[in-house]
Amino acid sequence: MDQYLGKIEQFREKLMYMGYWDSIESNWNMIMTGVMVAAIVFAILNCFWGYQMMRLWMSLIGLAVGALVGGGFALKMFDDRNKIFLAAVVCGMAVAMLANLIYRLGLVVLCGGIVFLTFELLFPVASMGVHMGFVALGIVAGIASFEYEDLVVTWVTGICGGLVCARMLLMIFKVENAFLAIAAGAVIAALGIKFQYGKLRRDPDVEARQKKLRDKRGE
């Protein structure tokens, strides 16, 4: 664990050296409020329209993952802000395009990313072994979606969207209660999943895609 804390400290020192850290610290409250509001909007859309918008989510999560990885590596190698920004943009766009072109990779990115981020948000102080368990759960969810795309994507987006929405709302109101977050998240998730299934039954394009999946599974 110490080695990871050391890397985080090195990352912070690099940001200080490049002049970013002072700006981040001075605007920290505004940044966090913006992040939480954006997370609530994302969570609601994900909870109620996750299956229908999954290609958009594939692109956005792929873009975020690629940008973080590319920017992180570039931050270690370069001191020039433009090079770091360019590396983050290029890697982000590359992963986003791959997630759309390689559909199964996109499903893993979508389901895996959502599951991992939700558990990280609910249990932020877990040990490194638990964090790796979150990664494994995300990968399992992504692989399961190969055969049961409609079921897995609907439930993953509904449940995770509901939990994240509840958690973010409680954080904004400065309420720290894990049980309340899970209970409220479960209610929102149930409403979202019910809404998604209603939309699926009324959408001819989605119904056609589901029929192909059922035929493939021999149902």
C-alpha atoms as a PDB file:
ATOM      1  CA  MET A   1       0.000   0.000   0.000  1.00  0.00           C
ATOM      2  CA  ASP A   2       2.886   2.357   0.812  1.00  0.00           C
ATOM      3  CA  GLN A   3       4.184   2.166  -2.749  1.00  0.00           C
ATOM      4  CA  TYR A   4       0.822   3.322  -4.108  1.00  0.00           C
ATOM      5  CA  LEU A   5       0.685   6.201  -1.629  1.00  0.00           C
ATOM      6  CA  GLY A   6       4.212   7.101  -2.726  1.00  0.00           C
ATOM      7  CA  LYS A   7       3.130   7.204  -6.364  1.00  0.00           C
ATOM      8  CA  ILE A   8       0.166   9.425  -5.494  1.00  0.00           C
ATOM      9  CA  GLU A   9       2.520  11.794  -3.690  1.00  0.00           C
ATOM     10  CA  GLN A  10       4.860  11.847  -6.694  1.00  0.00           C
ATOM     11  CA  PHE A  11       1.886  12.614  -8.913  1.00  0.00           C
ATOM     12  CA  ARG A  12       0.900  15.537  -6.638  1.00  0.00           C
ATOM     13  CA  GLU A  13       4.457  16.868  -6.601  1.00  0.00           C
ATOM     14  CA  LYS A  14       4.581  16.776 -10.382  1.00  0.00           C
ATOM     15  CA  LEU A  15       1.335  18.739 -10.569  1.00  0.00           C
ATOM     16  CA  MET A  16       2.789  21.279  -8.104  1.00  0.00           C
ATOM     17  CA  TYR A  17       5.946  21.584 -10.205  1.00  0.00           C
ATOM     18  CA  MET A  18       3.896  22.278 -13.326  1.00  0.00           C
ATOM     19  CA  GLY A  19       1.748  24.884 -11.578  1.00  0.00           C
ATOM     20  CA  TYR A  20      -1.532  22.952 -11.602  1.00  0.00           C
ATOM     21  CA  TRP A  21      -1.852  22.124  -7.924  1.00  0.00           C
ATOM     22  CA  ASP A  22      -2.333  25.684  -6.604  1.00  0.00           C
ATOM     23  CA  SER A  23      -5.149  26.231  -9.074  1.00  0.00           C
ATOM     24  CA  ILE A  24      -6.765  22.930  -8.063  1.00  0.00           C
ATOM     25  CA  GLU A  25      -6.528  23.740  -4.349  1.00  0.00           C
ATOM     26  CA  SER A  26      -7.936  27.260  -4.714  1.00  0.00           C
ATOM     27  CA  ASN A  27     -10.956  26.003  -6.673  1.00  0.00           C
ATOM     28  CA  TRP A  28     -11.367  22.665  -4.897  1.00  0.00           C
ATOM     29  CA  ASN A  29     -14.901  23.200  -3.546  1.00  0.00           C
ATOM     30  CA  MET A  30     -16.168  24.436  -6.908  1.00  0.00           C
ATOM     31  CA  ILE A  31     -14.497  21.535  -8.713  1.00  0.00           C
ATOM     32  CA  MET A  32     -15.978  18.945  -6.353  1.00  0.00           C
ATOM     33  CA  THR A  33     -19.472  20.454  -6.566  1.00  0.00           C
ATOM     34  CA  GLY A  34     -19.283  20.391 -10.364  1.00  0.00           C
ATOM     35  CA  VAL A  35     -18.057  16.788 -10.329  1.00  0.00           C
ATOM     36  CA  MET A  36     -20.894  15.687  -8.015  1.00  0.00           C
ATOM     37  CA  VAL A  37     -23.582  17.452 -10.069  1.00  0.00           C
ATOM     38  CA  ALA A  38     -22.188  15.910 -13.263  1.00  0.00           C
ATOM     39  CA  ALA A  39     -22.116  12.496 -11.556  1.00  0.00           C
ATOM     40  CA  ILE A  40     -25.791  12.853 -10.540  1.00  0.00           C
ATOM     41  CA  VAL A  41     -26.822  13.729 -14.105  1.00  0.00           C
ATOM     42  CA  PHE A  42     -24.789  10.815 -15.462  1.00  0.00           C
ATOM     43  CA  ALA A  43     -26.234   8.445 -12.848  1.00  0.00           C
ATOM     44  CA  ILE A  44     -29.857   9.407 -13.578  1.00  0.00           C
ATOM     45  CA  LEU A  45     -29.394   9.036 -17.335  1.00  0.00           C
ATOM     46  CA  ASN A  46     -27.619   5.741 -16.755  1.00  0.00           C
ATOM     47  CA  CYS A  47     -30.295   4.450 -14.389  1.00  0.00           C
ATOM     48  CA  PHE A  48     -33.278   5.262 -16.626  1.00  0.00           C
ATOM     49  CA  TRP A  49     -31.812   5.120 -20.158  1.00  0.00           C
ATOM     50  CA  GLY A  50     -28.699   2.963 -19.713  1.00  0.00           C
ATOM     51  CA  TYR A  51     -29.489   0.251 -22.280  1.00  0.00           C
ATOM     52  CA  GLN A  52     -30.653   2.657 -24.960  1.00  0.00           C
ATOM     53  CA  MET A  53     -27.644   4.934 -24.487  1.00  0.00           C
ATOM     54  CA  MET A  54     -25.025   2.233 -24.006  1.00  0.00           C
ATOM     55  CA  ARG A  55     -22.993   3.154 -27.115  1.00  0.00           C
ATOM     56  CA  LEU A  56     -22.673   6.698 -25.794  1.00  0.00           C
ATOM     57  CA  TRP A  57     -21.616   5.352 -22.394  1.00  0.00           C
ATOM     58  CA  MET A  58     -19.080   3.061 -24.074  1.00  0.00           C
ATOM     59  CA  SER A  59     -17.546   6.087 -25.767  1.00  0.00           C
ATOM     60  CA  LEU A  60     -17.558   8.320 -22.680  1.00  0.00           C
ATOM     61  CA  ILE A  61     -16.144   5.688 -20.312  1.00  0.00           C
ATOM     62  CA  GLY A  62     -13.578   4.649 -22.919  1.00  0.00           C
ATOM     63  CA  LEU A  63     -12.631   8.310 -23.385  1.00  0.00           C
ATOM     64  CA  ALA A  64     -12.243   8.810 -19.624  1.00  0.00           C
ATOM     65  CA  VAL A  65     -10.232   5.610 -19.089  1.00  0.00           C
ATOM     66  CA  GLY A  66      -7.969   6.293 -22.061  1.00  0.00           C
ATOM     67  CA  ALA A  67      -7.432   9.926 -21.054  1.00  0.00           C
ATOM     68  CA  LEU A  68      -6.519   8.972 -17.478  1.00  0.00           C
ATOM     69  CA  VAL A  69      -4.084   6.284 -18.590  1.00  0.00           C
ATOM     70  CA  GLY A  70      -2.534   8.368 -21.367  1.00  0.00           C
ATOM     71  CA  GLY A  71      -2.337  11.510 -19.244  1.00  0.00           C
ATOM     72  CA  GLY A  72      -0.885   9.569 -16.308  1.00  0.00           C
ATOM     73  CA  PHE A  73       1.912   8.056 -18.401  1.00  0.00           C
ATOM     74  CA  ALA A  74       2.601  11.377 -20.124  1.00  0.00           C
ATOM     75  CA  LEU A  75       2.794  13.140 -16.752  1.00  0.00           C
ATOM     76  CA  LYS A  76       5.638  10.813 -15.778  1.00  0.00           C
ATOM     77  CA  MET A  77       7.509  11.340 -19.059  1.00  0.00           C
ATOM     78  CA  PHE A  78       6.957  15.009 -19.940  1.00  0.00           C
ATOM     79  CA  ASP A  79       6.919  18.401 -18.243  1.00  0.00           C
ATOM     80  CA  ASP A  80       5.228  20.157 -21.137  1.00  0.00           C
ATOM     81  CA  ARG A  81       1.509  20.733 -20.554  1.00  0.00           C
ATOM     82  CA  ASN A  82       0.634  20.568 -24.238  1.00  0.00           C
ATOM     83  CA  LYS A  83       2.261  17.162 -24.651  1.00  0.00           C
ATOM     84  CA  ILE A  84       0.439  15.800 -21.596  1.00  0.00           C
ATOM     85  CA  PHE A  85      -2.882  17.182 -22.824  1.00  0.00           C
ATOM     86  CA  LEU A  86      -2.285  15.795 -26.323  1.00  0.00           C
ATOM     87  CA  ALA A  87      -1.394  12.344 -24.954  1.00  0.00           C
ATOM     88  CA  ALA A  88      -4.558  12.305 -22.816  1.00  0.00           C
ATOM     89  CA  VAL A  89      -6.766  13.330 -25.753  1.00  0.00           C
ATOM     90  CA  VAL A  90      -5.217  10.865 -28.219  1.00  0.00           C
ATOM     91  CA  CYS A  91      -5.358   7.903 -25.813  1.00  0.00           C
ATOM     92  CA  GLY A  92      -8.886   8.786 -24.741  1.00  0.00           C
ATOM     93  CA  MET A  93     -10.157   8.982 -28.311  1.00  0.00           C
ATOM     94  CA  ALA A  94      -8.360   5.755 -29.248  1.00  0.00           C
ATOM     95  CA  VAL A  95      -9.979   3.771 -26.422  1.00  0.00           C
ATOM     96  CA  ALA A  96     -13.386   5.340 -27.155  1.00  0.00           C
ATOM     97  CA  MET A  97     -13.165   4.343 -30.836  1.00  0.00           C
ATOM     98  CA  LEU A  98     -11.999   0.820 -29.971  1.00  0.00           C
ATOM     99  CA  ALA A  99     -14.902   0.442 -27.550  1.00  0.00           C
ATOM    100  CA  ASN A 100     -17.313   1.206 -30.382  1.00  0.00           C
ATOM    101  CA  LEU A 101     -15.538  -0.703 -33.154  1.00  0.00           C
ATOM    102  CA  ILE A 102     -14.935  -3.821 -31.062  1.00  0.00           C
ATOM    103  CA  TYR A 103     -18.410  -4.284 -29.610  1.00  0.00           C
ATOM    104  CA  ARG A 104     -17.498  -6.893 -27.010  1.00  0.00           C
ATOM    105  CA  LEU A 105     -14.623  -4.769 -25.765  1.00  0.00           C
ATOM    106  CA  GLY A 106     -17.134  -1.946 -25.478  1.00  0.00           C
ATOM    107  CA  LEU A 107     -19.438  -4.088 -23.337  1.00  0.00           C
ATOM    108  CA  VAL A 108     -16.567  -4.941 -20.986  1.00  0.00           C
ATOM    109  CA  VAL A 109     -15.575  -1.255 -20.794  1.00  0.00           C
ATOM    110  CA  LEU A 110     -19.180  -0.222 -20.177  1.00  0.00           C
ATOM    111  CA  CYS A 111     -20.234  -2.817 -17.585  1.00  0.00           C
ATOM    112  CA  GLY A 112     -16.804  -3.176 -16.020  1.00  0.00           C
ATOM    113  CA  GLY A 113     -16.247   0.559 -15.725  1.00  0.00           C
ATOM    114  CA  ILE A 114     -19.670   1.240 -14.216  1.00  0.00           C
ATOM    115  CA  VAL A 115     -19.419  -1.603 -11.681  1.00  0.00           C
ATOM    116  CA  PHE A 116     -15.875  -0.659 -10.663  1.00  0.00           C
ATOM    117  CA  LEU A 117     -16.629   3.064 -10.250  1.00  0.00           C
ATOM    118  CA  THR A 118     -19.793   2.349  -8.246  1.00  0.00           C
ATOM    119  CA  PHE A 119     -18.008   0.104  -5.745  1.00  0.00           C
ATOM    120  CA  GLU A 120     -15.136   2.590  -5.506  1.00  0.00           C
ATOM    121  CA  LEU A 121     -17.613   5.336  -4.675  1.00  0.00           C
ATOM    122  CA  LEU A 122     -19.453   3.267  -2.060  1.00  0.00           C
ATOM    123  CA  PHE A 123     -16.298   1.839  -0.437  1.00  0.00           C
ATOM    124  CA  PRO A 124     -13.495   4.403  -1.003  1.00  0.00           C
ATOM    125  CA  VAL A 125     -11.291   3.271   1.902  1.00  0.00           C
ATOM    126  CA  ALA A 126     -11.105  -0.395   0.953  1.00  0.00           C
ATOM    127  CA  SER A 127      -7.748  -2.215   0.844  1.00  0.00           C
ATOM    128  CA  MET A 128      -5.853  -2.760  -2.412  1.00  0.00           C
ATOM    129  CA  GLY A 129      -7.037  -6.385  -2.506  1.00  0.00           C
ATOM    130  CA  VAL A 130     -10.639  -5.206  -2.332  1.00  0.00           C
ATOM    131  CA  HIS A 131      -9.998  -2.690  -5.120  1.00  0.00           C
ATOM    132  CA  MET A 132      -8.711  -5.533  -7.276  1.00  0.00           C
ATOM    133  CA  GLY A 133     -11.871  -7.438  -6.401  1.00  0.00           C
ATOM    134  CA  PHE A 134     -13.899  -4.503  -7.740  1.00  0.00           C
ATOM    135  CA  VAL A 135     -11.947  -4.728 -11.001  1.00  0.00           C
ATOM    136  CA  ALA A 136     -12.658  -8.472 -11.193  1.00  0.00           C
ATOM    137  CA  LEU A 137     -16.392  -7.925 -10.590  1.00  0.00           C
ATOM    138  CA  GLY A 138     -16.457  -5.363 -13.373  1.00  0.00           C
ATOM    139  CA  ILE A 139     -14.741  -7.731 -15.803  1.00  0.00           C
ATOM    140  CA  VAL A 140     -17.143 -10.559 -14.863  1.00  0.00           C
ATOM    141  CA  ALA A 141     -20.115  -8.260 -15.497  1.00  0.00           C
ATOM    142  CA  GLY A 142     -18.675  -7.262 -18.871  1.00  0.00           C
ATOM    143  CA  ILE A 143     -18.069 -10.860 -19.956  1.00  0.00           C
ATOM    144  CA  ALA A 144     -21.546 -11.912 -18.752  1.00  0.00           C
ATOM    145  CA  SER A 145     -23.022  -9.263 -21.037  1.00  0.00           C
ATOM    146  CA  PHE A 146     -21.693 -11.165 -24.091  1.00  0.00           C
ATOM    147  CA  GLU A 147     -24.513 -13.685 -23.766  1.00  0.00           C
ATOM    148  CA  TYR A 148     -27.098 -11.712 -21.809  1.00  0.00           C
ATOM    149  CA  GLU A 149     -26.568  -8.198 -23.097  1.00  0.00           C
ATOM    150  CA  ASP A 150     -30.102  -6.904 -22.543  1.00  0.00           C
ATOM    151  CA  LEU A 151     -30.388  -8.341 -19.027  1.00  0.00           C
ATOM    152  CA  VAL A 152     -26.897  -7.458 -17.771  1.00  0.00           C
ATOM    153  CA  VAL A 153     -26.702  -3.959 -19.253  1.00  0.00           C
ATOM    154  CA  THR A 154     -30.191  -3.019 -18.005  1.00  0.00           C
ATOM    155  CA  TRP A 155     -29.553  -4.254 -14.469  1.00  0.00           C
ATOM    156  CA  VAL A 156     -25.975  -2.966 -14.228  1.00  0.00           C
ATOM    157  CA  THR A 157     -26.877   0.513 -15.441  1.00  0.00           C
ATOM    158  CA  GLY A 158     -30.063   0.596 -13.357  1.00  0.00           C
ATOM    159  CA  ILE A 159     -28.524  -0.584 -10.079  1.00  0.00           C
ATOM    160  CA  CYS A 160     -25.253   1.321 -10.386  1.00  0.00           C
ATOM    161  CA  GLY A 161     -26.991   4.469 -11.608  1.00  0.00           C
ATOM    162  CA  GLY A 162     -29.397   4.394  -8.660  1.00  0.00           C
ATOM    163  CA  LEU A 163     -26.646   3.805  -6.092  1.00  0.00           C
ATOM    164  CA  VAL A 164     -24.393   6.541  -7.489  1.00  0.00           C
ATOM    165  CA  CYS A 165     -27.269   9.026  -7.667  1.00  0.00           C
ATOM    166  CA  ALA A 166     -28.220   8.412  -4.029  1.00  0.00           C
ATOM    167  CA  ARG A 167     -24.621   8.544  -2.849  1.00  0.00           C
ATOM    168  CA  MET A 168     -23.899  11.827  -4.654  1.00  0.00           C
ATOM    169  CA  LEU A 169     -27.082  13.478  -3.361  1.00  0.00           C
ATOM    170  CA  LEU A 170     -26.177  12.534   0.217  1.00  0.00           C
ATOM    171  CA  MET A 171     -22.635  13.841  -0.287  1.00  0.00           C
ATOM    172  CA  ILE A 172     -23.965  17.193  -1.527  1.00  0.00           C
ATOM    173  CA  PHE A 173     -26.132  17.468   1.606  1.00  0.00           C
ATOM    174  CA  LYS A 174     -23.184  16.256   3.722  1.00  0.00           C
ATOM    175  CA  VAL A 175     -24.988  13.153   4.998  1.00  0.00           C
ATOM    176  CA  GLU A 176     -22.681  10.207   5.673  1.00  0.00           C
ATOM    177  CA  ASN A 177     -24.902   7.140   6.061  1.00  0.00           C
ATOM    178  CA  ALA A 178     -24.048   4.033   4.049  1.00  0.00           C
ATOM    179  CA  PHE A 179     -27.326   2.267   4.856  1.00  0.00           C
ATOM    180  CA  LEU A 180     -29.396   5.269   3.759  1.00  0.00           C
ATOM    181  CA  ALA A 181     -27.367   5.568   0.554  1.00  0.00           C
ATOM    182  CA  ILE A 182     -27.928   1.900  -0.320  1.00  0.00           C
ATOM    183  CA  ALA A 183     -31.643   1.996   0.613  1.00  0.00           C
ATOM    184  CA  ALA A 184     -32.317   5.168  -1.392  1.00  0.00           C
ATOM    185  CA  GLY A 185     -30.183   3.838  -4.245  1.00  0.00           C
ATOM    186  CA  ALA A 186     -32.183   0.595  -4.311  1.00  0.00           C
ATOM    187  CA  VAL A 187     -35.451   2.539  -4.663  1.00  0.00           C
ATOM    188  CA  ILE A 188     -34.086   4.689  -7.494  1.00  0.00           C
ATOM    189  CA  ALA A 189     -32.596   1.594  -9.160  1.00  0.00           C
ATOM    190  CA  ALA A 190     -35.915  -0.273  -9.036  1.00  0.00           C
ATOM    191  CA  LEU A 191     -37.679   2.671 -10.672  1.00  0.00           C
ATOM    192  CA  GLY A 192     -34.946   2.940 -13.293  1.00  0.00           C
ATOM    193  CA  ILE A 193     -34.978  -0.750 -14.200  1.00  0.00           C
ATOM    194  CA  LYS A 194     -38.774  -0.751 -14.458  1.00  0.00           C
ATOM    195  CA  PHE A 195     -38.624   2.319 -16.696  1.00  0.00           C
ATOM    196  CA  GLN A 196     -35.915   0.774 -18.889  1.00  0.00           C
ATOM    197  CA  TYR A 197     -37.901  -2.421 -19.420  1.00  0.00           C
ATOM    198  CA  GLY A 198     -40.942  -0.347 -20.351  1.00  0.00           C
ATOM    199  CA  LYS A 199     -38.890   1.552 -22.929  1.00  0.00           C
ATOM    200  CA  LEU A 200     -37.397  -1.681 -24.279  1.00  0.00           C
ATOM    201  CA  ARG A 201     -40.827  -3.154 -24.968  1.00  0.00           C
ATOM    202  CA  ARG A 202     -41.937  -0.039 -26.852  1.00  0.00           C
ATOM    203  CA  ASP A 203     -38.770   0.527 -28.913  1.00  0.00           C
ATOM    204  CA  PRO A 204     -38.853  -1.460 -32.207  1.00  0.00           C
ATOM    205  CA  ASP A 205     -35.108  -1.106 -32.785  1.00  0.00           C
ATOM    206  CA  VAL A 206     -34.277  -2.398 -29.325  1.00  0.00           C
ATOM    207  CA  GLU A 207     -36.831  -5.197 -29.638  1.00  0.00           C
ATOM    208  CA  ALA A 208     -35.238  -6.283 -32.931  1.00  0.00           C
ATOM    209  CA  ARG A 209     -31.802  -6.344 -31.289  1.00  0.00           C
ATOM    210  CA  GLN A 210     -33.131  -8.336 -28.350  1.00  0.00           C
ATOM    211  CA  LYS A 211     -34.774 -10.819 -30.731  1.00  0.00           C
ATOM    212  CA  LYS A 212     -31.404 -11.413 -32.388  1.00  0.00           C
ATOM    213  CA  LEU A 213     -29.858 -12.031 -28.983  1.00  0.00           C
ATOM    214  CA  ARG A 214     -32.633 -14.481 -28.033  1.00  0.00           C
ATOM    215  CA  ASP A 215     -32.269 -16.319 -31.351  1.00  0.00           C
ATOM    216  CA  LYS A 216     -28.530 -16.524 -30.794  1.00  0.00           C
ATOM    217  CA  ARG A 217     -29.087 -18.064 -27.359  1.00  0.00           C
ATOM    218  CA  GLY A 218     -31.683 -20.457 -28.803  1.00  0.00           C
ATOM    219  CA  GLU A 219     -34.547 -19.087 -26.729  1.00  0.00           C
END
